[in-house]
PDB file of N, CA and C in Angstrom:
ATOM      1  N   UNK A   1       0.797  -1.205  -0.012  1.00  0.00           N
ATOM      2  CA  UNK A   1      -0.062   0.036   0.014  1.00  0.00           C
ATOM      3  C   UNK A   1       0.888   1.304   0.032  1.00  0.00           C
ATOM      4  N   UNK A   2       0.577   2.184  -0.887  1.00  0.00           N
ATOM      5  CA  UNK A   2       1.361   3.422  -0.902  1.00  0.00           C
ATOM      6  C   UNK A   2       0.943   4.404   0.149  1.00  0.00           C
ATOM      7  N   UNK A   3       1.869   5.096   0.768  1.00  0.00           N
ATOM      8  CA  UNK A   3       1.551   5.985   1.839  1.00  0.00           C
ATOM      9  C   UNK A   3       0.883   7.262   1.230  1.00  0.00           C
ATOM     10  N   UNK A   4      -0.241   7.708   1.908  1.00  0.00           N
ATOM     11  CA  UNK A   4      -0.915   8.842   1.377  1.00  0.00           C
ATOM     12  C   UNK A   4      -0.222  10.187   1.803  1.00  0.00           C
ATOM     13  N   UNK A   5      -0.443  11.229   1.069  1.00  0.00           N
ATOM     14  CA  UNK A   5      -0.058  12.516   1.526  1.00  0.00           C
ATOM     15  C   UNK A   5      -1.172  13.040   2.490  1.00  0.00           C
ATOM     16  N   UNK A   6      -0.876  14.145   3.243  1.00  0.00           N
ATOM     17  CA  UNK A   6      -1.982  14.666   4.025  1.00  0.00           C
ATOM     18  C   UNK A   6      -3.059  15.175   3.194  1.00  0.00           C
ATOM     19  N   UNK A   7      -2.931  15.720   2.038  1.00  0.00           N
ATOM     20  CA  UNK A   7      -3.897  16.178   1.152  1.00  0.00           C
ATOM     21  C   UNK A   7      -4.810  14.954   0.737  1.00  0.00           C
ATOM     22  N   UNK A   8      -4.062  13.880   0.535  1.00  0.00           N
ATOM     23  CA  UNK A   8      -4.902  12.593   0.110  1.00  0.00           C
ATOM     24  C   UNK A   8      -5.694  11.976   1.219  1.00  0.00           C
ATOM     25  N   UNK A   9      -5.273  12.287   2.426  1.00  0.00           N
ATOM     26  CA  UNK A   9      -6.069  11.882   3.600  1.00  0.00           C
ATOM     27  C   UNK A   9      -7.380  12.615   3.722  1.00  0.00           C
ATOM     28  N   UNK A  10      -7.397  13.775   3.131  1.00  0.00           N
ATOM     29  CA  UNK A  10      -8.550  14.563   3.152  1.00  0.00           C
ATOM     30  C   UNK A  10      -8.940  15.226   4.520  1.00  0.00           C
ATOM     31  N   UNK A  11      -7.881  15.512   5.207  1.00  0.00           N
ATOM     32  CA  UNK A  11      -8.065  16.189   6.496  1.00  0.00           C
ATOM     33  C   UNK A  11      -7.494  17.606   6.478  1.00  0.00           C
ATOM     34  N   UNK A  12      -8.022  18.356   7.392  1.00  0.00           N
ATOM     35  CA  UNK A  12      -7.538  19.833   7.598  1.00  0.00           C
ATOM     36  C   UNK A  12      -6.610  19.744   8.767  1.00  0.00           C
ATOM     37  N   UNK A  13      -5.259  19.917   8.484  1.00  0.00           N
ATOM     38  CA  UNK A  13      -4.367  19.870   9.669  1.00  0.00           C
ATOM     39  C   UNK A  13      -4.740  20.787  10.897  1.00  0.00           C
ATOM     40  N   UNK A  14      -5.318  21.818  10.599  1.00  0.00           N
ATOM     41  CA  UNK A  14      -5.659  22.906  11.598  1.00  0.00           C
ATOM     42  C   UNK A  14      -6.773  22.346  12.445  1.00  0.00           C
ATOM     43  N   UNK A  15      -7.602  21.356  11.979  1.00  0.00           N
ATOM     44  CA  UNK A  15      -8.708  20.876  12.641  1.00  0.00           C
ATOM     45  C   UNK A  15      -8.406  19.607  13.513  1.00  0.00           C
ATOM     46  N   UNK A  16      -7.172  19.140  13.370  1.00  0.00           N
ATOM     47  CA  UNK A  16      -6.724  17.891  14.049  1.00  0.00           C
ATOM     48  C   UNK A  16      -6.512  18.131  15.554  1.00  0.00           C
ATOM     49  N   UNK A  17      -6.566  17.042  16.309  1.00  0.00           N
ATOM     50  CA  UNK A  17      -6.277  17.191  17.712  1.00  0.00           C
ATOM     51  C   UNK A  17      -4.759  16.799  17.840  1.00  0.00           C
ATOM     52  N   UNK A  18      -3.840  17.811  17.807  1.00  0.00           N
ATOM     53  CA  UNK A  18      -2.415  17.556  17.811  1.00  0.00           C
ATOM     54  C   UNK A  18      -1.984  17.479  19.304  1.00  0.00           C
ATOM     55  N   UNK A  19      -1.281  16.443  19.629  1.00  0.00           N
ATOM     56  CA  UNK A  19      -0.604  16.237  20.972  1.00  0.00           C
ATOM     57  C   UNK A  19       0.790  16.805  20.874  1.00  0.00           C
ATOM     58  N   UNK A  20       1.196  17.663  21.738  1.00  0.00           N
ATOM     59  CA  UNK A  20       2.453  18.288  21.770  1.00  0.00           C
ATOM     60  C   UNK A  20       3.357  17.766  22.752  1.00  0.00           C
ATOM     61  N   UNK A  21       4.725  17.622  22.405  1.00  0.00           N
ATOM     62  CA  UNK A  21       5.732  17.150  23.301  1.00  0.00           C
ATOM     63  C   UNK A  21       6.115  18.098  24.388  1.00  0.00           C
ATOM     64  N   UNK A  22       5.795  19.359  24.155  1.00  0.00           N
ATOM     65  CA  UNK A  22       6.202  20.377  25.132  1.00  0.00           C
ATOM     66  C   UNK A  22       5.707  21.734  24.672  1.00  0.00           C
ATOM     67  N   UNK A  23       6.171  22.790  25.359  1.00  0.00           N
ATOM     68  CA  UNK A  23       5.639  24.147  25.064  1.00  0.00           C
ATOM     69  C   UNK A  23       6.785  24.914  24.279  1.00  0.00           C
ATOM     70  N   UNK A  24       7.876  24.396  24.018  1.00  0.00           N
ATOM     71  CA  UNK A  24       8.928  25.104  23.245  1.00  0.00           C
ATOM     72  C   UNK A  24       8.570  25.179  21.805  1.00  0.00           C
ATOM     73  N   UNK A  25       9.114  26.170  21.092  1.00  0.00           N
ATOM     74  CA  UNK A  25       8.842  26.328  19.664  1.00  0.00           C
ATOM     75  C   UNK A  25       9.203  25.147  18.882  1.00  0.00           C
ATOM     76  N   UNK A  26      10.219  24.418  19.199  1.00  0.00           N
ATOM     77  CA  UNK A  26      10.717  23.148  18.412  1.00  0.00           C
ATOM     78  C   UNK A  26      10.081  21.995  18.859  1.00  0.00           C
ATOM     79  N   UNK A  27       8.971  21.955  19.632  1.00  0.00           N
ATOM     80  CA  UNK A  27       8.243  20.876  20.137  1.00  0.00           C
ATOM     81  C   UNK A  27       7.649  20.085  18.988  1.00  0.00           C
ATOM     82  N   UNK A  28       7.576  18.860  19.068  1.00  0.00           N
ATOM     83  CA  UNK A  28       6.854  17.992  17.920  1.00  0.00           C
ATOM     84  C   UNK A  28       5.443  17.881  18.341  1.00  0.00           C
ATOM     85  N   UNK A  29       4.573  17.651  17.327  1.00  0.00           N
ATOM     86  CA  UNK A  29       3.257  17.476  17.506  1.00  0.00           C
ATOM     87  C   UNK A  29       2.792  16.268  16.739  1.00  0.00           C
ATOM     88  N   UNK A  30       1.845  15.471  17.336  1.00  0.00           N
ATOM     89  CA  UNK A  30       1.457  14.203  16.711  1.00  0.00           C
ATOM     90  C   UNK A  30      -0.048  14.186  16.662  1.00  0.00           C
ATOM     91  N   UNK A  31      -0.596  13.730  15.518  1.00  0.00           N
ATOM     92  CA  UNK A  31      -2.033  13.569  15.364  1.00  0.00           C
ATOM     93  C   UNK A  31      -2.296  12.215  14.811  1.00  0.00           C
ATOM     94  N   UNK A  32      -3.400  11.617  15.126  1.00  0.00           N
ATOM     95  CA  UNK A  32      -3.744  10.226  14.654  1.00  0.00           C
ATOM     96  C   UNK A  32      -5.004  10.368  13.693  1.00  0.00           C
ATOM     97  N   UNK A  33      -4.852   9.823  12.445  1.00  0.00           N
ATOM     98  CA  UNK A  33      -5.959   9.810  11.534  1.00  0.00           C
ATOM     99  C   UNK A  33      -6.115   8.396  11.023  1.00  0.00           C
ATOM    100  N   UNK A  34      -7.120   7.754  11.487  1.00  0.00           N
ATOM    101  CA  UNK A  34      -7.378   6.301  11.224  1.00  0.00           C
ATOM    102  C   UNK A  34      -6.100   5.549  11.534  1.00  0.00           C
ATOM    103  N   UNK A  35      -5.533   4.778  10.450  1.00  0.00           N
ATOM    104  CA  UNK A  35      -4.303   4.031  10.752  1.00  0.00           C
ATOM    105  C   UNK A  35      -3.066   4.809  10.569  1.00  0.00           C
ATOM    106  N   UNK A  36      -3.177   6.066  10.240  1.00  0.00           N
ATOM    107  CA  UNK A  36      -2.053   6.886   9.949  1.00  0.00           C
ATOM    108  C   UNK A  36      -1.651   7.904  11.148  1.00  0.00           C
ATOM    109  N   UNK A  37      -0.372   8.096  11.277  1.00  0.00           N
ATOM    110  CA  UNK A  37       0.119   8.954  12.365  1.00  0.00           C
ATOM    111  C   UNK A  37       0.839  10.176  11.678  1.00  0.00           C
ATOM    112  N   UNK A  38       0.420  11.387  11.961  1.00  0.00           N
ATOM    113  CA  UNK A  38       1.040  12.522  11.410  1.00  0.00           C
ATOM    114  C   UNK A  38       1.949  13.154  12.437  1.00  0.00           C
ATOM    115  N   UNK A  39       3.082  13.678  11.953  1.00  0.00           N
ATOM    116  CA  UNK A  39       4.039  14.297  12.879  1.00  0.00           C
ATOM    117  C   UNK A  39       4.523  15.587  12.327  1.00  0.00           C
ATOM    118  N   UNK A  40       4.546  16.624  13.066  1.00  0.00           N
ATOM    119  CA  UNK A  40       4.998  17.961  12.598  1.00  0.00           C
ATOM    120  C   UNK A  40       5.792  18.682  13.653  1.00  0.00           C
ATOM    121  N   UNK A  41       6.635  19.607  13.275  1.00  0.00           N
ATOM    122  CA  UNK A  41       7.263  20.539  14.269  1.00  0.00           C
ATOM    123  C   UNK A  41       6.862  21.911  13.887  1.00  0.00           C
ATOM    124  N   UNK A  42       6.343  22.779  14.830  1.00  0.00           N
ATOM    125  CA  UNK A  42       6.054  24.119  14.626  1.00  0.00           C
ATOM    126  C   UNK A  42       4.949  24.313  13.572  1.00  0.00           C
ATOM    127  N   UNK A  43       4.192  23.354  13.170  1.00  0.00           N
ATOM    128  CA  UNK A  43       3.168  23.488  12.128  1.00  0.00           C
ATOM    129  C   UNK A  43       3.568  23.464  10.778  1.00  0.00           C
ATOM    130  N   UNK A  44       4.915  23.212  10.539  1.00  0.00           N
ATOM    131  CA  UNK A  44       5.493  23.245   9.205  1.00  0.00           C
ATOM    132  C   UNK A  44       5.285  21.874   8.506  1.00  0.00           C
ATOM    133  N   UNK A  45       6.322  21.270   8.024  1.00  0.00           N
ATOM    134  CA  UNK A  45       6.302  20.069   7.361  1.00  0.00           C
ATOM    135  C   UNK A  45       5.558  18.990   8.180  1.00  0.00           C
ATOM    136  N   UNK A  46       4.668  18.233   7.546  1.00  0.00           N
ATOM    137  CA  UNK A  46       3.990  17.149   8.218  1.00  0.00           C
ATOM    138  C   UNK A  46       4.396  15.814   7.574  1.00  0.00           C
ATOM    139  N   UNK A  47       4.924  14.902   8.428  1.00  0.00           N
ATOM    140  CA  UNK A  47       5.246  13.599   7.876  1.00  0.00           C
ATOM    141  C   UNK A  47       4.208  12.626   8.229  1.00  0.00           C
ATOM    142  N   UNK A  48       3.930  11.667   7.324  1.00  0.00           N
ATOM    143  CA  UNK A  48       2.918  10.594   7.513  1.00  0.00           C
ATOM    144  C   UNK A  48       3.650   9.248   7.765  1.00  0.00           C
ATOM    145  N   UNK A  49       3.191   8.624   8.830  1.00  0.00           N
ATOM    146  CA  UNK A  49       3.815   7.329   9.200  1.00  0.00           C
ATOM    147  C   UNK A  49       2.689   6.237   9.198  1.00  0.00           C
ATOM    148  N   UNK A  50       2.985   4.939   8.880  1.00  0.00           N
ATOM    149  CA  UNK A  50       2.017   3.942   9.102  1.00  0.00           C
ATOM    150  C   UNK A  50       2.348   3.452  10.447  1.00  0.00           C
ATOM    151  N   UNK A  51       1.501   2.479  10.938  1.00  0.00           N
ATOM    152  CA  UNK A  51       1.673   1.995  12.311  1.00  0.00           C
ATOM    153  C   UNK A  51       3.034   1.310  12.543  1.00  0.00           C
ATOM    154  N   UNK A  52       3.529   0.553  11.606  1.00  0.00           N
ATOM    155  CA  UNK A  52       4.874  -0.075  11.658  1.00  0.00           C
ATOM    156  C   UNK A  52       5.954   0.869  11.769  1.00  0.00           C
ATOM    157  N   UNK A  53       5.864   1.920  10.950  1.00  0.00           N
ATOM    158  CA  UNK A  53       6.981   2.935  10.935  1.00  0.00           C
ATOM    159  C   UNK A  53       6.899   3.678  12.282  1.00  0.00           C
ATOM    160  N   UNK A  54       5.719   3.961  12.795  1.00  0.00           N
ATOM    161  CA  UNK A  54       5.559   4.698  14.013  1.00  0.00           C
ATOM    162  C   UNK A  54       6.117   3.835  15.231  1.00  0.00           C
ATOM    163  N   UNK A  55       5.875   2.657  15.143  1.00  0.00           N
ATOM    164  CA  UNK A  55       6.371   1.732  16.260  1.00  0.00           C
ATOM    165  C   UNK A  55       7.981   1.688  16.164  1.00  0.00           C
ATOM    166  N   UNK A  56       8.530   1.679  15.028  1.00  0.00           N
ATOM    167  CA  UNK A  56       9.959   1.734  14.815  1.00  0.00           C
ATOM    168  C   UNK A  56      10.537   3.007  15.281  1.00  0.00           C
ATOM    169  N   UNK A  57       9.873   4.106  14.960  1.00  0.00           N
ATOM    170  CA  UNK A  57      10.292   5.463  15.426  1.00  0.00           C
ATOM    171  C   UNK A  57      10.279   5.545  16.914  1.00  0.00           C
ATOM    172  N   UNK A  58       9.162   5.137  17.677  1.00  0.00           N
ATOM    173  CA  UNK A  58       9.030   5.092  19.056  1.00  0.00           C
ATOM    174  C   UNK A  58      10.152   4.210  19.703  1.00  0.00           C
ATOM    175  N   UNK A  59      10.508   3.124  19.065  1.00  0.00           N
ATOM    176  CA  UNK A  59      11.512   2.215  19.607  1.00  0.00           C
ATOM    177  C   UNK A  59      12.881   2.929  19.547  1.00  0.00           C
ATOM    178  N   UNK A  60      13.092   3.657  18.448  1.00  0.00           N
ATOM    179  CA  UNK A  60      14.366   4.481  18.362  1.00  0.00           C
ATOM    180  C   UNK A  60      14.488   5.505  19.377  1.00  0.00           C
ATOM    181  N   UNK A  61      13.328   6.205  19.691  1.00  0.00           N
ATOM    182  CA  UNK A  61      13.329   7.150  20.726  1.00  0.00           C
ATOM    183  C   UNK A  61      13.668   6.666  22.080  1.00  0.00           C
ATOM    184  N   UNK A  62      13.038   5.482  22.341  1.00  0.00           N
ATOM    185  CA  UNK A  62      13.233   4.822  23.665  1.00  0.00           C
ATOM    186  C   UNK A  62      14.679   4.333  23.774  1.00  0.00           C
ATOM    187  N   UNK A  63      15.322   4.025  22.691  1.00  0.00           N
ATOM    188  CA  UNK A  63      16.680   3.513  22.774  1.00  0.00           C
ATOM    189  C   UNK A  63      17.745   4.647  22.520  1.00  0.00           C
ATOM    190  N   UNK A  64      17.297   5.822  22.560  1.00  0.00           N
ATOM    191  CA  UNK A  64      18.213   6.927  22.578  1.00  0.00           C
ATOM    192  C   UNK A  64      18.853   7.325  21.158  1.00  0.00           C
ATOM    193  N   UNK A  65      18.264   6.771  20.048  1.00  0.00           N
ATOM    194  CA  UNK A  65      18.838   6.920  18.764  1.00  0.00           C
ATOM    195  C   UNK A  65      18.751   8.447  18.341  1.00  0.00           C
ATOM    196  N   UNK A  66      17.862   9.200  18.960  1.00  0.00           N
ATOM    197  CA  UNK A  66      17.692  10.642  18.555  1.00  0.00           C
ATOM    198  C   UNK A  66      18.323  11.605  19.619  1.00  0.00           C
ATOM    199  N   UNK A  67      18.845  11.143  20.698  1.00  0.00           N
ATOM    200  CA  UNK A  67      19.352  12.044  21.728  1.00  0.00           C
ATOM    201  C   UNK A  67      20.352  13.074  21.211  1.00  0.00           C
ATOM    202  N   UNK A  68      21.274  12.689  20.291  1.00  0.00           N
ATOM    203  CA  UNK A  68      22.248  13.645  19.703  1.00  0.00           C
ATOM    204  C   UNK A  68      21.470  14.843  18.965  1.00  0.00           C
ATOM    205  N   UNK A  69      20.539  14.419  18.292  1.00  0.00           N
ATOM    206  CA  UNK A  69      19.659  15.491  17.476  1.00  0.00           C
ATOM    207  C   UNK A  69      18.992  16.331  18.465  1.00  0.00           C
ATOM    208  N   UNK A  70      18.576  15.922  19.568  1.00  0.00           N
ATOM    209  CA  UNK A  70      17.879  16.782  20.535  1.00  0.00           C
ATOM    210  C   UNK A  70      18.711  17.702  21.300  1.00  0.00           C
ATOM    211  N   UNK A  71      20.029  17.557  21.281  1.00  0.00           N
ATOM    212  CA  UNK A  71      20.932  18.457  22.038  1.00  0.00           C
ATOM    213  C   UNK A  71      21.327  19.662  21.241  1.00  0.00           C
TER     214      UNK A  71
END
């Protein structure tokens, strides 16, 4: 299955229930649309993940793979 774009999902990003990682300007935001997970920073570029990709991303976060990028 090909991954859809945000436009192909037919959702208005401004109307989604975004969960924020913090209050800083660089905080990430996550929204769930059916089986798709949307990730953005500061309302800019939105990345679309399927459930497997999201699980791999979370595993990487838990294992510290992104700690260097966060500093």
